[in-house]
């Protein structure tokens, strides 16, 4: 099946990918005439506009050329040109969390540079990342934005090495791993968490619970910021109200963690959710349990996701800008391959809403 209409991946992009695979595999060879728009419409049941968008993208990328009254033909594409017009991005999941906004930022910046973007979802699994890495290499991409998976640093470094061995630059975005020789774009998660915790303290909260995963560098830094803010305000760190996991965010698992934490609400007056999606689950579970936010317990989150279901006080991350800056860094790296590794840290900012009560 060429098109999966139940997939969240845009249909034009699915067709574009299929056509590109036919070219790369030699089904359509140089100088071959490909299927007409009418034939592709009949084959895929897609709208003509969708078909034309997919084909036009490949024309823009230099794989095809349209000849008036004759049709669309495969052309010989120089590898150097290819490496500057096609980029890759490897993200956890385009459907959830911050990834859609980050990918859009990268795509918009790529378009400014007349580049196209191949999108790859890993579901935070190493073997998916490995598979997509090879596919991107096969497509001779010019550079890759990579959000490390829920695997060890050593395994994520193997993904990076697959690209660097082919002289394909990589930018780590958001999550970081223990390496100093790679370009990266992130935010100051330590400082953001410090400010959120300090805000809760200023609102009178001394017993502040926290729930997050320690699997990723971002949330580990948030935990450190939370602990430092407590210590700087002479508040002991209470491990009994620190709920951490060593796994990626899985909704059904975190629903259980939220229920467990909320049954112990006599121990604390506020909860720091490691990211907004955890905060949304806390809100849903609190409604089930008849717990009022913020009257019974205050909650803060992190990210400032736009689909918030309640007025959540949170730390806004410049997610769109992270995508843009990552793409800018790839393009800069292609223009200057001897440039020292760059580390760009973007600033987040505090957003106050109505999920915290002064006590």
Protein backbone atom coordinates (compact mmCIF):
# COMPACT_ATOMS: atom_id res chain seq x y z
CA UNK A 1 0.00 0.00 0.00
CA UNK A 2 1.50 3.33 -1.09
CA UNK A 3 -0.73 5.54 1.07
CA UNK A 4 -1.83 4.79 4.63
CA UNK A 5 -4.79 7.10 5.16
CA UNK A 6 -4.80 6.34 8.91
CA UNK A 7 -1.23 7.56 9.31
CA UNK A 8 -0.54 10.99 10.87
CA UNK A 9 2.12 11.53 8.19
CA UNK A 10 0.76 13.89 5.49
CA UNK A 11 -0.41 12.02 2.39
CA UNK A 12 1.62 14.15 -0.01
CA UNK A 13 4.72 13.25 2.01
CA UNK A 14 3.90 9.53 1.86
CA UNK A 15 3.59 9.70 -1.93
CA UNK A 16 6.73 11.82 -2.21
CA UNK A 17 8.64 9.23 -0.15
CA UNK A 18 7.33 6.36 -2.27
CA UNK A 19 8.33 8.08 -5.52
CA UNK A 20 11.75 8.86 -4.11
CA UNK A 21 12.20 5.19 -3.13
CA UNK A 22 11.34 4.13 -6.69
CA UNK A 23 14.00 6.49 -8.02
CA UNK A 24 16.63 5.42 -5.48
CA UNK A 25 15.94 1.72 -6.11
CA UNK A 26 16.20 2.15 -9.87
CA UNK A 27 12.55 1.39 -10.67
CA UNK A 28 12.51 4.82 -12.30
CA UNK A 29 15.93 5.36 -13.90
CA UNK A 30 17.56 8.55 -15.15
CA UNK A 31 15.68 9.87 -18.19
CA UNK A 32 12.68 7.60 -17.48
CA UNK A 33 9.23 9.17 -17.66
CA UNK A 34 7.36 8.59 -14.40
CA UNK A 35 3.62 8.04 -13.99
CA UNK A 36 1.41 10.96 -14.97
CA UNK A 37 -0.55 12.89 -12.37
CA UNK A 38 -3.74 11.21 -13.60
CA UNK A 39 -2.17 7.76 -13.21
CA UNK A 40 -0.97 8.58 -9.70
CA UNK A 41 -4.43 9.89 -8.76
CA UNK A 42 -5.98 6.65 -10.02
CA UNK A 43 -3.37 4.49 -8.26
CA UNK A 44 -3.53 6.25 -4.87
CA UNK A 45 -7.06 7.75 -4.78
CA UNK A 46 -5.46 11.01 -3.67
CA UNK A 47 -6.65 14.44 -4.71
CA UNK A 48 -4.92 15.87 -7.76
CA UNK A 49 -3.56 18.77 -5.68
CA UNK A 50 -1.96 16.31 -3.26
CA UNK A 51 -0.32 14.41 -6.10
CA UNK A 52 0.95 17.60 -7.71
CA UNK A 53 2.44 18.76 -4.39
CA UNK A 54 4.38 15.50 -3.97
CA UNK A 55 5.70 15.58 -7.54
CA UNK A 56 6.53 19.29 -7.40
CA UNK A 57 8.53 18.78 -4.20
CA UNK A 58 10.70 16.23 -6.03
CA UNK A 59 11.09 18.69 -8.89
CA UNK A 60 12.23 21.33 -6.39
CA UNK A 61 14.63 18.83 -4.84
CA UNK A 62 16.19 18.13 -8.22
CA UNK A 63 15.04 14.55 -8.72
CA UNK A 64 12.51 15.26 -11.48
CA UNK A 65 11.93 17.71 -14.29
CA UNK A 66 8.60 18.55 -15.94
CA UNK A 67 8.67 18.88 -19.73
CA UNK A 68 5.71 20.64 -21.27
CA UNK A 69 3.42 18.31 -23.21
CA UNK A 70 5.87 15.42 -22.69
CA UNK A 71 5.56 14.56 -18.98
CA UNK A 72 7.77 14.32 -15.89
CA UNK A 73 11.21 12.71 -16.11
CA UNK A 74 13.91 11.51 -13.73
CA UNK A 75 17.10 13.53 -14.02
CA UNK A 76 20.70 12.88 -13.00
CA UNK A 77 21.25 14.55 -9.69
CA UNK A 78 24.75 15.40 -8.52
CA UNK A 79 25.47 14.13 -5.03
CA UNK A 80 26.87 17.46 -3.87
CA UNK A 81 23.66 19.24 -4.85
CA UNK A 82 21.60 16.54 -3.18
CA UNK A 83 23.44 16.91 0.09
CA UNK A 84 22.52 20.58 0.26
CA UNK A 85 18.86 20.28 -0.69
CA UNK A 86 17.63 17.39 1.47
CA UNK A 87 17.90 17.27 5.25
CA UNK A 88 16.67 14.77 7.82
CA UNK A 89 15.07 15.08 11.25
CA UNK A 90 14.75 12.17 13.69
CA UNK A 91 12.17 12.85 16.42
CA UNK A 92 10.32 10.75 19.02
CA UNK A 93 6.74 11.16 17.71
CA UNK A 94 5.25 13.74 15.36
CA UNK A 95 1.81 13.28 16.96
CA UNK A 96 2.60 14.21 20.55
CA UNK A 97 4.43 16.55 22.86
CA UNK A 98 6.75 19.22 21.52
CA UNK A 99 7.96 17.33 18.43
CA UNK A 100 5.38 18.75 15.94
CA UNK A 101 6.30 22.35 16.77
CA UNK A 102 10.03 21.61 16.70
CA UNK A 103 9.75 19.87 13.33
CA UNK A 104 7.78 22.80 11.93
CA UNK A 105 10.49 25.22 13.00
CA UNK A 106 13.13 23.07 11.29
CA UNK A 107 11.02 22.73 8.15
CA UNK A 108 10.35 26.47 7.88
CA UNK A 109 14.05 27.24 8.18
CA UNK A 110 14.90 24.51 5.66
CA UNK A 111 12.43 26.01 3.19
CA UNK A 112 14.15 29.41 3.49
CA UNK A 113 17.37 27.70 2.40
CA UNK A 114 15.50 25.92 -0.43
CA UNK A 115 15.95 22.59 1.30
CA UNK A 116 13.37 19.88 1.95
CA UNK A 117 13.07 17.81 5.10
CA UNK A 118 12.67 14.05 5.52
CA UNK A 119 10.81 13.32 8.76
CA UNK A 120 11.51 10.16 10.78
CA UNK A 121 9.70 8.99 13.94
CA UNK A 122 11.51 6.72 16.41
CA UNK A 123 8.86 6.24 19.12
CA UNK A 124 11.93 6.70 21.35
CA UNK A 125 13.27 3.28 20.26
CA UNK A 126 16.92 2.81 19.34
CA UNK A 127 16.30 0.24 16.61
CA UNK A 128 13.86 2.61 14.89
CA UNK A 129 16.47 5.36 14.99
CA UNK A 130 19.06 2.99 13.55
CA UNK A 131 16.72 2.02 10.71
CA UNK A 132 15.88 5.63 9.85
CA UNK A 133 19.54 6.67 10.08
CA UNK A 134 20.43 4.19 7.36
CA UNK A 135 17.50 5.35 5.21
CA UNK A 136 18.65 8.97 5.51
CA UNK A 137 22.17 7.95 4.57
CA UNK A 138 20.78 6.06 1.56
CA UNK A 139 19.01 9.27 0.53
CA UNK A 140 22.30 11.20 0.79
CA UNK A 141 20.92 13.85 3.13
CA UNK A 142 23.03 16.91 3.77
CA UNK A 143 22.56 16.96 7.55
CA UNK A 144 20.42 15.57 10.35
CA UNK A 145 18.64 16.95 13.40
CA UNK A 146 18.58 14.18 16.00
CA UNK A 147 16.64 14.00 19.26
CA UNK A 148 18.33 11.15 21.17
CA UNK A 149 16.18 8.10 21.91
CA UNK A 150 15.33 6.45 25.22
CA UNK A 151 18.54 4.41 25.02
CA UNK A 152 21.98 4.66 26.55
CA UNK A 153 24.35 7.44 25.56
CA UNK A 154 26.58 4.79 23.99
CA UNK A 155 23.78 3.61 21.69
CA UNK A 156 22.80 7.15 20.72
CA UNK A 157 26.46 7.84 19.90
CA UNK A 158 26.35 4.87 17.50
CA UNK A 159 23.55 6.62 15.60
CA UNK A 160 25.62 9.80 15.41
CA UNK A 161 28.68 7.84 14.23
CA UNK A 162 26.69 6.33 11.35
CA UNK A 163 26.28 9.85 10.00
CA UNK A 164 29.69 11.27 10.85
CA UNK A 165 31.41 8.32 9.13
CA UNK A 166 29.66 9.49 5.96
CA UNK A 167 30.59 13.14 6.64
CA UNK A 168 26.96 14.04 7.34
CA UNK A 169 26.73 16.69 10.08
CA UNK A 170 24.42 16.07 13.04
CA UNK A 171 22.83 18.53 15.46
CA UNK A 172 21.50 17.21 18.77
CA UNK A 173 18.30 19.03 19.69
CA UNK A 174 16.73 19.35 23.14
CA UNK A 175 18.06 16.16 24.74
CA UNK A 176 21.81 15.85 25.14
CA UNK A 177 24.24 12.97 25.60
CA UNK A 178 27.71 12.81 27.14
CA UNK A 179 29.77 14.02 24.20
CA UNK A 180 31.57 17.29 23.60
CA UNK A 181 32.28 17.03 19.88
CA UNK A 182 28.82 17.51 18.38
CA UNK A 183 26.72 20.58 17.63
CA UNK A 184 23.67 20.96 19.86
CA UNK A 185 20.69 23.23 20.53
CA UNK A 186 18.87 23.07 23.84
CA UNK A 187 17.47 25.24 26.64
CA UNK A 188 18.55 25.87 30.22
CA UNK A 189 16.43 23.23 31.92
CA UNK A 190 18.23 23.62 35.25
CA UNK A 191 17.47 27.34 35.45
CA UNK A 192 13.89 26.90 34.27
CA UNK A 193 13.15 24.33 36.97
CA UNK A 194 14.92 26.48 39.56
CA UNK A 195 12.66 29.44 38.72
CA UNK A 196 9.48 27.33 38.84
CA UNK A 197 10.40 25.88 42.23
CA UNK A 198 11.36 29.30 43.57
CA UNK A 199 7.97 30.64 42.41
CA UNK A 200 6.17 27.91 44.38
CA UNK A 201 8.26 28.73 47.46
CA UNK A 202 7.38 32.43 47.12
CA UNK A 203 3.72 31.40 47.04
CA UNK A 204 4.21 29.83 50.48
CA UNK A 205 4.77 26.20 49.47
CA UNK A 206 7.44 24.40 51.50
CA UNK A 207 6.47 20.82 50.70
CA UNK A 208 6.78 20.42 46.95
CA UNK A 209 6.52 17.03 45.25
CA UNK A 210 8.01 16.32 41.84
CA UNK A 211 7.24 13.66 39.21
CA UNK A 212 9.38 13.05 36.12
CA UNK A 213 11.64 10.61 34.29
CA UNK A 214 15.39 10.59 34.87
CA UNK A 215 15.98 8.84 31.55
CA UNK A 216 16.56 12.05 29.59
CA UNK A 217 19.09 14.83 30.18
CA UNK A 218 16.36 17.49 30.08
CA UNK A 219 14.41 16.10 33.02
CA UNK A 220 17.55 15.20 34.97
CA UNK A 221 18.53 18.87 34.76
CA UNK A 222 15.04 19.89 35.90
CA UNK A 223 15.36 17.63 38.93
CA UNK A 224 18.68 19.25 39.80
CA UNK A 225 17.19 22.73 39.44
CA UNK A 226 14.29 21.78 41.73
CA UNK A 227 16.64 20.39 44.39
CA UNK A 228 18.94 23.40 44.22
CA UNK A 229 16.05 25.84 44.67
CA UNK A 230 14.93 23.97 47.79
CA UNK A 231 18.44 23.93 49.22
CA UNK A 232 18.99 27.63 48.50
CA UNK A 233 15.81 28.38 50.46
CA UNK A 234 16.76 26.12 53.40
CA UNK A 235 14.06 23.57 52.60
CA UNK A 236 15.13 19.93 53.04
CA UNK A 237 14.83 17.67 49.99
CA UNK A 238 12.21 15.04 50.87
CA UNK A 239 12.87 11.90 48.82
CA UNK A 240 9.47 10.47 49.82
CA UNK A 241 7.73 13.02 47.55
CA UNK A 242 10.16 12.71 44.64
CA UNK A 243 8.66 10.27 42.13
CA UNK A 244 11.04 9.40 39.32
CA UNK A 245 11.10 6.73 36.65
CA UNK A 246 13.79 5.47 34.30
CA UNK A 247 11.50 5.01 31.30
CA UNK A 248 10.07 7.25 28.56
CA UNK A 249 6.66 8.85 29.00
CA UNK A 250 3.95 6.21 28.54
CA UNK A 251 0.53 7.56 29.40
CA UNK A 252 -0.91 4.44 31.06
CA UNK A 253 2.17 4.09 33.28
CA UNK A 254 2.14 7.73 34.33
CA UNK A 255 -1.56 7.59 35.07
CA UNK A 256 -0.67 5.04 37.73
CA UNK A 257 2.16 7.20 39.05
CA UNK A 258 -0.16 10.21 39.23
CA UNK A 259 -2.79 8.27 41.18
CA UNK A 260 -0.15 7.03 43.60
CA UNK A 261 1.23 10.52 44.13
CA UNK A 262 -2.20 12.13 44.60
CA UNK A 263 -3.17 9.57 47.26
CA UNK A 264 -0.25 10.94 49.30
CA UNK A 265 -1.23 14.60 48.99
CA UNK A 266 -1.14 15.03 52.78
CA UNK A 267 2.67 15.10 52.37
CA UNK A 268 2.83 18.18 50.14
CA UNK A 269 0.91 21.26 48.96
CA UNK A 270 2.28 21.54 45.39
CA UNK A 271 3.50 19.29 42.59
CA UNK A 272 6.15 20.05 39.99
CA UNK A 273 5.30 17.99 36.89
CA UNK A 274 8.42 17.26 34.83
CA UNK A 275 6.59 18.30 31.66
CA UNK A 276 3.13 19.51 30.68
CA UNK A 277 1.82 16.11 29.60
CA UNK A 278 2.40 14.80 33.13
CA UNK A 279 0.62 17.91 34.46
CA UNK A 280 -2.37 17.17 32.19
CA UNK A 281 -2.56 13.63 33.59
CA UNK A 282 -2.38 14.95 37.15
CA UNK A 283 -5.27 17.28 36.35
CA UNK A 284 -7.36 14.45 34.85
CA UNK A 285 -6.71 12.11 37.78
CA UNK A 286 -7.40 14.85 40.33
CA UNK A 287 -10.83 15.39 38.76
CA UNK A 288 -11.56 11.66 39.06
CA UNK A 289 -10.50 11.72 42.72
CA UNK A 290 -12.45 14.89 43.55
CA UNK A 291 -9.30 16.90 44.20
CA UNK A 292 -9.51 20.59 43.31
CA UNK A 293 -6.65 22.40 41.56
CA UNK A 294 -5.39 24.73 42.92
CA UNK A 295 -7.55 24.75 46.06
CA UNK A 296 -6.43 21.31 47.28
CA UNK A 297 -3.09 21.07 45.51
CA UNK A 298 -1.11 23.41 43.25
CA UNK A 299 0.55 22.19 40.04
CA UNK A 300 3.21 23.57 37.69
CA UNK A 301 4.39 22.05 34.42
CA UNK A 302 7.12 22.56 31.85
CA UNK A 303 7.05 23.25 28.06
CA UNK A 304 3.90 25.40 27.66
CA UNK A 305 2.25 23.08 25.13
CA UNK A 306 -0.51 24.91 23.28
CA UNK A 307 -3.20 22.25 23.77
CA UNK A 308 -3.38 22.69 27.53
CA UNK A 309 -6.72 21.55 28.95
CA UNK A 310 -6.57 23.80 32.01
CA UNK A 311 -4.82 27.09 32.96
CA UNK A 312 -1.41 25.63 33.82
CA UNK A 313 1.42 27.66 35.27
CA UNK A 314 4.47 26.46 33.38
CA UNK A 315 7.84 27.28 31.83
CA UNK A 316 7.60 28.17 28.15
CA UNK A 317 10.25 26.49 26.03
CA UNK A 318 11.13 28.09 22.67
CA UNK A 319 10.40 24.81 20.87
CA UNK A 320 9.77 26.26 17.41
CA UNK A 321 12.97 28.30 17.72
CA UNK A 322 14.90 25.16 18.70
CA UNK A 323 13.91 23.60 15.40
CA UNK A 324 14.88 26.71 13.45
CA UNK A 325 18.21 27.15 15.21
CA UNK A 326 19.06 23.48 14.71
CA UNK A 327 18.50 23.79 10.95
CA UNK A 328 20.52 27.02 10.84
CA UNK A 329 23.35 25.21 12.58
CA UNK A 330 23.33 22.36 10.06
CA UNK A 331 23.50 24.82 7.16
CA UNK A 332 26.32 26.73 8.88
CA UNK A 333 28.18 23.45 9.39
CA UNK A 334 27.85 22.56 5.71
CA UNK A 335 29.32 25.94 4.80
CA UNK A 336 32.14 25.65 7.34
CA UNK A 337 33.07 22.06 8.13
CA UNK A 338 36.06 23.03 10.30
CA UNK A 339 33.95 25.20 12.63
CA UNK A 340 34.32 24.23 16.30
CA UNK A 341 31.34 22.35 17.80
CA UNK A 342 28.62 24.82 18.71
CA UNK A 343 26.44 24.67 21.83
CA UNK A 344 23.40 26.94 21.59
CA UNK A 345 21.32 27.37 24.76
CA UNK A 346 18.01 29.17 24.24
CA UNK A 347 16.19 30.95 27.05
CA UNK A 348 12.83 29.78 28.37
CA UNK A 349 10.40 32.07 30.18
CA UNK A 350 7.92 31.70 33.02
CA UNK A 351 4.17 31.69 32.28
CA UNK A 352 1.85 32.28 35.25
CA UNK A 353 -1.71 31.03 35.04
CA UNK A 354 -4.25 29.79 37.62
CA UNK A 355 -2.93 26.39 38.76
CA UNK A 356 -1.09 27.65 41.86
CA UNK A 357 -2.62 28.91 45.11
CA UNK A 358 -0.88 31.15 47.59
CA UNK A 359 -0.85 29.60 51.07
